Amino acid sequence: VQGGTATVKGVAKMKGAPVMATDLRASVSLILAGLAA
């Protein structure tokens, strides 16, 4: 993340972890990521 721009390099697999929701939309984004982790 650099200011208002984020560069995302895709990975083949994510791993489950304890995470913290910081706002409304961030909350559900972490749940979605958990579906694939």
PDB file of all heavy atoms in Angstrom:
ATOM      1  N   VAL A   1       0.842  -1.196   0.000  1.00  0.00           N
ATOM      2  CA  VAL A   1       0.000   0.000   0.000  1.00  0.00           C
ATOM      3  C   VAL A   1       0.875   1.243   0.000  1.00  0.00           C
ATOM      4  O   VAL A   1       1.755   1.393   0.858  1.00  0.00           O
ATOM      5  CB  VAL A   1      -0.940   0.015   1.219  1.00  0.00           C
ATOM      6  CG1 VAL A   1      -1.730   1.330   1.263  1.00  0.00           C
ATOM      7  CG2 VAL A   1      -1.894  -1.170   1.176  1.00  0.00           C
ATOM      8  N   GLN A   2       0.630   2.126  -0.953  1.00  0.00           N
ATOM      9  CA  GLN A   2       1.318   3.411  -1.035  1.00  0.00           C
ATOM     10  C   GLN A   2       0.249   4.489  -1.204  1.00  0.00           C
ATOM     11  O   GLN A   2      -0.290   4.679  -2.286  1.00  0.00           O
ATOM     12  CB  GLN A   2       2.307   3.440  -2.207  1.00  0.00           C
ATOM     13  CG  GLN A   2       3.408   2.397  -2.142  1.00  0.00           C
ATOM     14  CD  GLN A   2       4.394   2.662  -1.014  1.00  0.00           C
ATOM     15  OE1 GLN A   2       4.586   3.810  -0.598  1.00  0.00           O
ATOM     16  NE2 GLN A   2       5.025   1.604  -0.505  1.00  0.00           N
ATOM     17  N   GLY A   3      -0.078   5.165  -0.098  1.00  0.00           N
ATOM     18  CA  GLY A   3      -1.120   6.194  -0.157  1.00  0.00           C
ATOM     19  C   GLY A   3      -2.463   5.592  -0.528  1.00  0.00           C
ATOM     20  O   GLY A   3      -2.954   4.675   0.111  1.00  0.00           O
ATOM     21  N   GLY A   4      -3.048   6.115  -1.608  1.00  0.00           N
ATOM     22  CA  GLY A   4      -4.353   5.637  -2.051  1.00  0.00           C
ATOM     23  C   GLY A   4      -4.281   4.530  -3.079  1.00  0.00           C
ATOM     24  O   GLY A   4      -5.276   4.239  -3.745  1.00  0.00           O
ATOM     25  N   THR A   5      -3.103   3.897  -3.228  1.00  0.00           N
ATOM     26  CA  THR A   5      -2.933   2.829  -4.215  1.00  0.00           C
ATOM     27  C   THR A   5      -2.413   1.574  -3.536  1.00  0.00           C
ATOM     28  O   THR A   5      -1.481   1.622  -2.730  1.00  0.00           O
ATOM     29  CB  THR A   5      -1.943   3.252  -5.316  1.00  0.00           C
ATOM     30  OG1 THR A   5      -2.436   4.434  -5.959  1.00  0.00           O
ATOM     31  CG2 THR A   5      -1.780   2.155  -6.351  1.00  0.00           C
ATOM     32  N   ALA A   6      -3.022   0.442  -3.855  1.00  0.00           N
ATOM     33  CA  ALA A   6      -2.576  -0.851  -3.333  1.00  0.00           C
ATOM     34  C   ALA A   6      -2.228  -1.759  -4.506  1.00  0.00           C
ATOM     35  O   ALA A   6      -3.026  -1.910  -5.443  1.00  0.00           O
ATOM     36  CB  ALA A   6      -3.668  -1.493  -2.483  1.00  0.00           C
ATOM     37  N   THR A   7      -1.036  -2.345  -4.456  1.00  0.00           N
ATOM     38  CA  THR A   7      -0.611  -3.319  -5.463  1.00  0.00           C
ATOM     39  C   THR A   7      -0.727  -4.710  -4.851  1.00  0.00           C
ATOM     40  O   THR A   7      -0.139  -4.980  -3.793  1.00  0.00           O
ATOM     41  CB  THR A   7       0.833  -3.054  -5.905  1.00  0.00           C
ATOM     42  OG1 THR A   7       0.921  -1.716  -6.421  1.00  0.00           O
ATOM     43  CG2 THR A   7       1.252  -4.039  -6.985  1.00  0.00           C
ATOM     44  N   VAL A   8      -1.489  -5.576  -5.502  1.00  0.00           N
ATOM     45  CA  VAL A   8      -1.773  -6.909  -4.977  1.00  0.00           C
ATOM     46  C   VAL A   8      -1.208  -7.955  -5.929  1.00  0.00           C
ATOM     47  O   VAL A   8      -1.619  -8.029  -7.092  1.00  0.00           O
ATOM     48  CB  VAL A   8      -3.289  -7.138  -4.803  1.00  0.00           C
ATOM     49  CG1 VAL A   8      -3.561  -8.503  -4.179  1.00  0.00           C
ATOM     50  CG2 VAL A   8      -3.919  -6.034  -3.965  1.00  0.00           C
ATOM     51  N   LYS A   9      -0.257  -8.745  -5.438  1.00  0.00           N
ATOM     52  CA  LYS A   9       0.274  -9.872  -6.201  1.00  0.00           C
ATOM     53  C   LYS A   9      -0.442 -11.131  -5.722  1.00  0.00           C
ATOM     54  O   LYS A   9      -0.348 -11.503  -4.554  1.00  0.00           O
ATOM     55  CB  LYS A   9       1.782  -9.999  -5.993  1.00  0.00           C
ATOM     56  CG  LYS A   9       2.571  -8.819  -6.536  1.00  0.00           C
ATOM     57  CD  LYS A   9       4.073  -8.995  -6.291  1.00  0.00           C
ATOM     58  CE  LYS A   9       4.845  -7.803  -6.824  1.00  0.00           C
ATOM     59  NZ  LYS A   9       6.304  -7.935  -6.576  1.00  0.00           N
ATOM     60  N   GLY A  10      -1.164 -11.764  -6.622  1.00  0.00           N
ATOM     61  CA  GLY A  10      -1.951 -12.930  -6.233  1.00  0.00           C
ATOM     62  C   GLY A  10      -1.099 -14.096  -5.776  1.00  0.00           C
ATOM     63  O   GLY A  10      -0.002 -14.322  -6.303  1.00  0.00           O
ATOM     64  N   VAL A  11      -1.597 -14.823  -4.795  1.00  0.00           N
ATOM     65  CA  VAL A  11      -0.922 -16.031  -4.305  1.00  0.00           C
ATOM     66  C   VAL A  11      -1.834 -17.225  -4.550  1.00  0.00           C
ATOM     67  O   VAL A  11      -3.062 -17.079  -4.646  1.00  0.00           O
ATOM     68  CB  VAL A  11      -0.577 -15.917  -2.802  1.00  0.00           C
ATOM     69  CG1 VAL A  11       0.390 -14.775  -2.560  1.00  0.00           C
ATOM     70  CG2 VAL A  11      -1.839 -15.732  -1.957  1.00  0.00           C
ATOM     71  N   ALA A  12      -1.221 -18.398  -4.654  1.00  0.00           N
ATOM     72  CA  ALA A  12      -2.003 -19.595  -4.961  1.00  0.00           C
ATOM     73  C   ALA A  12      -2.904 -19.987  -3.799  1.00  0.00           C
ATOM     74  O   ALA A  12      -4.000 -20.526  -4.002  1.00  0.00           O
ATOM     75  CB  ALA A  12      -1.068 -20.749  -5.314  1.00  0.00           C
ATOM     76  N   LYS A  13      -2.460 -19.699  -2.576  1.00  0.00           N
ATOM     77  CA  LYS A  13      -3.228 -20.137  -1.415  1.00  0.00           C
ATOM     78  C   LYS A  13      -3.008 -19.177  -0.254  1.00  0.00           C
ATOM     79  O   LYS A  13      -1.888 -18.707  -0.021  1.00  0.00           O
ATOM     80  CB  LYS A  13      -2.795 -21.549  -0.993  1.00  0.00           C
ATOM     81  CG  LYS A  13      -3.876 -22.363  -0.325  1.00  0.00           C
ATOM     82  CD  LYS A  13      -4.989 -22.709  -1.298  1.00  0.00           C
ATOM     83  CE  LYS A  13      -5.990 -23.668  -0.670  1.00  0.00           C
ATOM     84  NZ  LYS A  13      -7.165 -23.883  -1.496  1.00  0.00           N
ATOM     85  N   MET A  14      -4.066 -18.885   0.482  1.00  0.00           N
ATOM     86  CA  MET A  14      -3.955 -18.128   1.720  1.00  0.00           C
ATOM     87  C   MET A  14      -4.167 -19.085   2.886  1.00  0.00           C
ATOM     88  O   MET A  14      -4.717 -20.179   2.716  1.00  0.00           O
ATOM     89  CB  MET A  14      -4.956 -16.976   1.743  1.00  0.00           C
ATOM     90  CG  MET A  14      -4.670 -15.936   0.664  1.00  0.00           C
ATOM     91  SD  MET A  14      -5.920 -14.632   0.553  1.00  0.00           S
ATOM     92  CE  MET A  14      -5.609 -13.724   2.064  1.00  0.00           C
ATOM     93  N   LYS A  15      -3.739 -18.664   4.066  1.00  0.00           N
ATOM     94  CA  LYS A  15      -3.840 -19.524   5.239  1.00  0.00           C
ATOM     95  C   LYS A  15      -4.678 -18.845   6.310  1.00  0.00           C
ATOM     96  O   LYS A  15      -4.584 -17.637   6.506  1.00  0.00           O
ATOM     97  CB  LYS A  15      -2.447 -19.850   5.788  1.00  0.00           C
ATOM     98  CG  LYS A  15      -1.581 -20.646   4.824  1.00  0.00           C
ATOM     99  CD  LYS A  15      -0.266 -21.040   5.449  1.00  0.00           C
ATOM    100  CE  LYS A  15       0.616 -21.800   4.448  1.00  0.00           C
ATOM    101  NZ  LYS A  15      -0.006 -23.064   4.019  1.00  0.00           N
ATOM    102  N   GLY A  16      -5.480 -19.638   6.988  1.00  0.00           N
ATOM    103  CA  GLY A  16      -6.318 -19.113   8.048  1.00  0.00           C
ATOM    104  C   GLY A  16      -5.487 -18.505   9.168  1.00  0.00           C
ATOM    105  O   GLY A  16      -4.370 -18.938   9.439  1.00  0.00           O
ATOM    106  N   ALA A  17      -6.049 -17.473   9.825  1.00  0.00           N
ATOM    107  CA  ALA A  17      -5.339 -16.784  10.907  1.00  0.00           C
ATOM    108  C   ALA A  17      -6.356 -16.004  11.731  1.00  0.00           C
ATOM    109  O   ALA A  17      -7.453 -15.711  11.252  1.00  0.00           O
ATOM    110  CB  ALA A  17      -4.291 -15.829  10.338  1.00  0.00           C
ATOM    111  N   PRO A  18      -6.015 -15.640  12.956  1.00  0.00           N
ATOM    112  CA  PRO A  18      -6.855 -14.697  13.699  1.00  0.00           C
ATOM    113  C   PRO A  18      -6.661 -13.295  13.138  1.00  0.00           C
ATOM    114  O   PRO A  18      -5.516 -12.837  12.994  1.00  0.00           O
ATOM    115  CB  PRO A  18      -6.329 -14.804  15.136  1.00  0.00           C
ATOM    116  CG  PRO A  18      -4.944 -15.319  15.009  1.00  0.00           C
ATOM    117  CD  PRO A  18      -4.896 -16.153  13.769  1.00  0.00           C
ATOM    118  N   VAL A  19      -7.741 -12.618  12.780  1.00  0.00           N
ATOM    119  CA  VAL A  19      -7.667 -11.284  12.190  1.00  0.00           C
ATOM    120  C   VAL A  19      -8.691 -10.385  12.878  1.00  0.00           C
ATOM    121  O   VAL A  19      -9.617 -10.859  13.538  1.00  0.00           O
ATOM    122  CB  VAL A  19      -7.921 -11.321  10.662  1.00  0.00           C
ATOM    123  CG1 VAL A  19      -6.773 -11.986   9.935  1.00  0.00           C
ATOM    124  CG2 VAL A  19      -9.241 -12.014  10.339  1.00  0.00           C
ATOM    125  N   MET A  20      -8.537  -9.083  12.677  1.00  0.00           N
ATOM    126  CA  MET A  20      -9.400  -8.118  13.344  1.00  0.00           C
ATOM    127  C   MET A  20     -10.091  -7.227  12.322  1.00  0.00           C
ATOM    128  O   MET A  20      -9.442  -6.644  11.450  1.00  0.00           O
ATOM    129  CB  MET A  20      -8.585  -7.259  14.312  1.00  0.00           C
ATOM    130  CG  MET A  20      -9.411  -6.273  15.100  1.00  0.00           C
ATOM    131  SD  MET A  20      -8.396  -5.348  16.288  1.00  0.00           S
ATOM    132  CE  MET A  20      -7.374  -4.378  15.191  1.00  0.00           C
ATOM    133  N   ALA A  21     -11.397  -7.105  12.441  1.00  0.00           N
ATOM    134  CA  ALA A  21     -12.161  -6.235  11.557  1.00  0.00           C
ATOM    135  C   ALA A  21     -11.975  -4.785  11.979  1.00  0.00           C
ATOM    136  O   ALA A  21     -12.072  -4.457  13.165  1.00  0.00           O
ATOM    137  CB  ALA A  21     -13.639  -6.608  11.614  1.00  0.00           C
ATOM    138  N   THR A  22     -11.700  -3.912  11.008  1.00  0.00           N
ATOM    139  CA  THR A  22     -11.477  -2.502  11.304  1.00  0.00           C
ATOM    140  C   THR A  22     -12.646  -1.618  10.913  1.00  0.00           C
ATOM    141  O   THR A  22     -12.796  -0.507  11.423  1.00  0.00           O
ATOM    142  CB  THR A  22     -10.226  -2.007  10.563  1.00  0.00           C
ATOM    143  OG1 THR A  22     -10.350  -2.327   9.173  1.00  0.00           O
ATOM    144  CG2 THR A  22      -8.972  -2.658  11.124  1.00  0.00           C
ATOM    145  N   ASP A  23     -13.474  -2.083   9.994  1.00  0.00           N
ATOM    146  CA  ASP A  23     -14.680  -1.349   9.607  1.00  0.00           C
ATOM    147  C   ASP A  23     -15.638  -2.338   8.965  1.00  0.00           C
ATOM    148  O   ASP A  23     -15.349  -3.528   8.842  1.00  0.00           O
ATOM    149  CB  ASP A  23     -14.353  -0.165   8.677  1.00  0.00           C
ATOM    150  CG  ASP A  23     -13.684  -0.587   7.374  1.00  0.00           C
ATOM    151  OD1 ASP A  23     -14.324  -1.302   6.589  1.00  0.00           O
ATOM    152  OD2 ASP A  23     -12.518  -0.206   7.144  1.00  0.00           O
ATOM    153  N   LEU A  24     -16.788  -1.840   8.552  1.00  0.00           N
ATOM    154  CA  LEU A  24     -17.862  -2.702   8.051  1.00  0.00           C
ATOM    155  C   LEU A  24     -17.438  -3.556   6.864  1.00  0.00           C
ATOM    156  O   LEU A  24     -17.552  -4.788   6.885  1.00  0.00           O
ATOM    157  CB  LEU A  24     -19.060  -1.821   7.676  1.00  0.00           C
ATOM    158  CG  LEU A  24     -20.203  -2.464   6.891  1.00  0.00           C
ATOM    159  CD1 LEU A  24     -20.755  -3.675   7.617  1.00  0.00           C
ATOM    160  CD2 LEU A  24     -21.295  -1.434   6.643  1.00  0.00           C
ATOM    161  N   ARG A  25     -16.941  -2.937   5.807  1.00  0.00           N
ATOM    162  CA  ARG A  25     -16.621  -3.699   4.593  1.00  0.00           C
ATOM    163  C   ARG A  25     -15.363  -4.546   4.781  1.00  0.00           C
ATOM    164  O   ARG A  25     -15.246  -5.621   4.197  1.00  0.00           O
ATOM    165  CB  ARG A  25     -16.475  -2.761   3.393  1.00  0.00           C
ATOM    166  CG  ARG A  25     -17.684  -1.843   3.187  1.00  0.00           C
ATOM    167  CD  ARG A  25     -19.017  -2.581   3.099  1.00  0.00           C
ATOM    168  NE  ARG A  25     -20.144  -1.646   3.058  1.00  0.00           N
ATOM    169  CZ  ARG A  25     -21.416  -1.999   3.069  1.00  0.00           C
ATOM    170  NH1 ARG A  25     -21.757  -3.276   3.149  1.00  0.00           N
ATOM    171  NH2 ARG A  25     -22.375  -1.099   3.033  1.00  0.00           N
ATOM    172  N   ALA A  26     -14.427  -4.059   5.604  1.00  0.00           N
ATOM    173  CA  ALA A  26     -13.252  -4.869   5.917  1.00  0.00           C
ATOM    174  C   ALA A  26     -13.659  -6.168   6.596  1.00  0.00           C
ATOM    175  O   ALA A  26     -13.073  -7.229   6.353  1.00  0.00           O
ATOM    176  CB  ALA A  26     -12.292  -4.081   6.812  1.00  0.00           C
ATOM    177  N   SER A  27     -14.689  -6.099   7.450  1.00  0.00           N
ATOM    178  CA  SER A  27     -15.144  -7.295   8.163  1.00  0.00           C
ATOM    179  C   SER A  27     -15.510  -8.409   7.204  1.00  0.00           C
ATOM    180  O   SER A  27     -15.046  -9.553   7.333  1.00  0.00           O
ATOM    181  CB  SER A  27     -16.378  -6.957   9.019  1.00  0.00           C
ATOM    182  OG  SER A  27     -16.161  -5.895   9.893  1.00  0.00           O
ATOM    183  N   VAL A  28     -16.329  -8.072   6.214  1.00  0.00           N
ATOM    184  CA  VAL A  28     -16.808  -9.115   5.321  1.00  0.00           C
ATOM    185  C   VAL A  28     -15.727  -9.549   4.343  1.00  0.00           C
ATOM    186  O   VAL A  28     -15.709 -10.697   3.893  1.00  0.00           O
ATOM    187  CB  VAL A  28     -18.095  -8.663   4.602  1.00  0.00           C
ATOM    188  CG1 VAL A  28     -17.807  -7.761   3.402  1.00  0.00           C
ATOM    189  CG2 VAL A  28     -18.951  -9.854   4.190  1.00  0.00           C
ATOM    190  N   SER A  29     -14.773  -8.665   4.038  1.00  0.00           N
ATOM    191  CA  SER A  29     -13.683  -9.062   3.145  1.00  0.00           C
ATOM    192  C   SER A  29     -12.834 -10.152   3.795  1.00  0.00           C
ATOM    193  O   SER A  29     -12.356 -11.068   3.120  1.00  0.00           O
ATOM    194  CB  SER A  29     -12.811  -7.854   2.782  1.00  0.00           C
ATOM    195  OG  SER A  29     -11.994  -7.448   3.859  1.00  0.00           O
ATOM    196  N   LEU A  30     -12.656 -10.085   5.102  1.00  0.00           N
ATOM    197  CA  LEU A  30     -11.875 -11.093   5.815  1.00  0.00           C
ATOM    198  C   LEU A  30     -12.629 -12.419   5.884  1.00  0.00           C
ATOM    199  O   LEU A  30     -12.024 -13.492   5.818  1.00  0.00           O
ATOM    200  CB  LEU A  30     -11.536 -10.589   7.217  1.00  0.00           C
ATOM    201  CG  LEU A  30     -10.665  -9.333   7.262  1.00  0.00           C
ATOM    202  CD1 LEU A  30     -10.543  -8.810   8.688  1.00  0.00           C
ATOM    203  CD2 LEU A  30      -9.282  -9.604   6.671  1.00  0.00           C
ATOM    204  N   ILE A  31     -13.941 -12.353   5.994  1.00  0.00           N
ATOM    205  CA  ILE A  31     -14.744 -13.581   5.963  1.00  0.00           C
ATOM    206  C   ILE A  31     -14.647 -14.246   4.601  1.00  0.00           C
ATOM    207  O   ILE A  31     -14.459 -15.465   4.491  1.00  0.00           O
ATOM    208  CB  ILE A  31     -16.213 -13.266   6.314  1.00  0.00           C
ATOM    209  CG1 ILE A  31     -16.319 -12.857   7.791  1.00  0.00           C
ATOM    210  CG2 ILE A  31     -17.119 -14.464   6.021  1.00  0.00           C
ATOM    211  CD1 ILE A  31     -17.682 -12.352   8.195  1.00  0.00           C
ATOM    212  N   LEU A  32     -14.725 -13.448   3.537  1.00  0.00           N
ATOM    213  CA  LEU A  32     -14.590 -14.004   2.189  1.00  0.00           C
ATOM    214  C   LEU A  32     -13.223 -14.651   2.002  1.00  0.00           C
ATOM    215  O   LEU A  32     -13.113 -15.749   1.452  1.00  0.00           O
ATOM    216  CB  LEU A  32     -14.796 -12.906   1.145  1.00  0.00           C
ATOM    217  CG  LEU A  32     -16.210 -12.347   0.997  1.00  0.00           C
ATOM    218  CD1 LEU A  32     -16.216 -11.166   0.030  1.00  0.00           C
ATOM    219  CD2 LEU A  32     -17.200 -13.408   0.537  1.00  0.00           C
ATOM    220  N   ALA A  33     -12.180 -13.969   2.463  1.00  0.00           N
ATOM    221  CA  ALA A  33     -10.838 -14.537   2.346  1.00  0.00           C
ATOM    222  C   ALA A  33     -10.744 -15.850   3.097  1.00  0.00           C
ATOM    223  O   ALA A  33     -10.084 -16.803   2.649  1.00  0.00           O
ATOM    224  CB  ALA A  33      -9.799 -13.544   2.876  1.00  0.00           C
ATOM    225  N   GLY A  34     -11.420 -15.927   4.234  1.00  0.00           N
ATOM    226  CA  GLY A  34     -11.426 -17.156   5.019  1.00  0.00           C
ATOM    227  C   GLY A  34     -12.060 -18.329   4.301  1.00  0.00           C
ATOM    228  O   GLY A  34     -11.697 -19.490   4.548  1.00  0.00           O
ATOM    229  N   LEU A  35     -12.987 -18.050   3.377  1.00  0.00           N
ATOM    230  CA  LEU A  35     -13.620 -19.128   2.611  1.00  0.00           C
ATOM    231  C   LEU A  35     -12.612 -19.872   1.749  1.00  0.00           C
ATOM    232  O   LEU A  35     -12.765 -21.065   1.479  1.00  0.00           O
ATOM    233  CB  LEU A  35     -14.727 -18.556   1.716  1.00  0.00           C
ATOM    234  CG  LEU A  35     -15.945 -17.931   2.390  1.00  0.00           C
ATOM    235  CD1 LEU A  35     -16.851 -17.293   1.345  1.00  0.00           C
ATOM    236  CD2 LEU A  35     -16.719 -18.974   3.197  1.00  0.00           C
ATOM    237  N   ALA A  36     -11.583 -19.148   1.304  1.00  0.00           N
ATOM    238  CA  ALA A  36     -10.590 -19.751   0.405  1.00  0.00           C
ATOM    239  C   ALA A  36      -9.337 -20.209   1.137  1.00  0.00           C
ATOM    240  O   ALA A  36      -8.518 -20.928   0.568  1.00  0.00           O
ATOM    241  CB  ALA A  36     -10.194 -18.740  -0.671  1.00  0.00           C
ATOM    242  N   ALA A  37      -9.168 -19.781   2.391  1.00  0.00           N
ATOM    243  CA  ALA A  37      -7.915 -20.044   3.105  1.00  0.00           C
ATOM    244  C   ALA A  37      -7.844 -21.476   3.624  1.00  0.00           C
ATOM    245  O   ALA A  37      -8.869 -22.091   3.940  1.00  0.00           O
ATOM    246  CB  ALA A  37      -7.781 -19.069   4.267  1.00  0.00           C
TER     247      ALA A  37
END
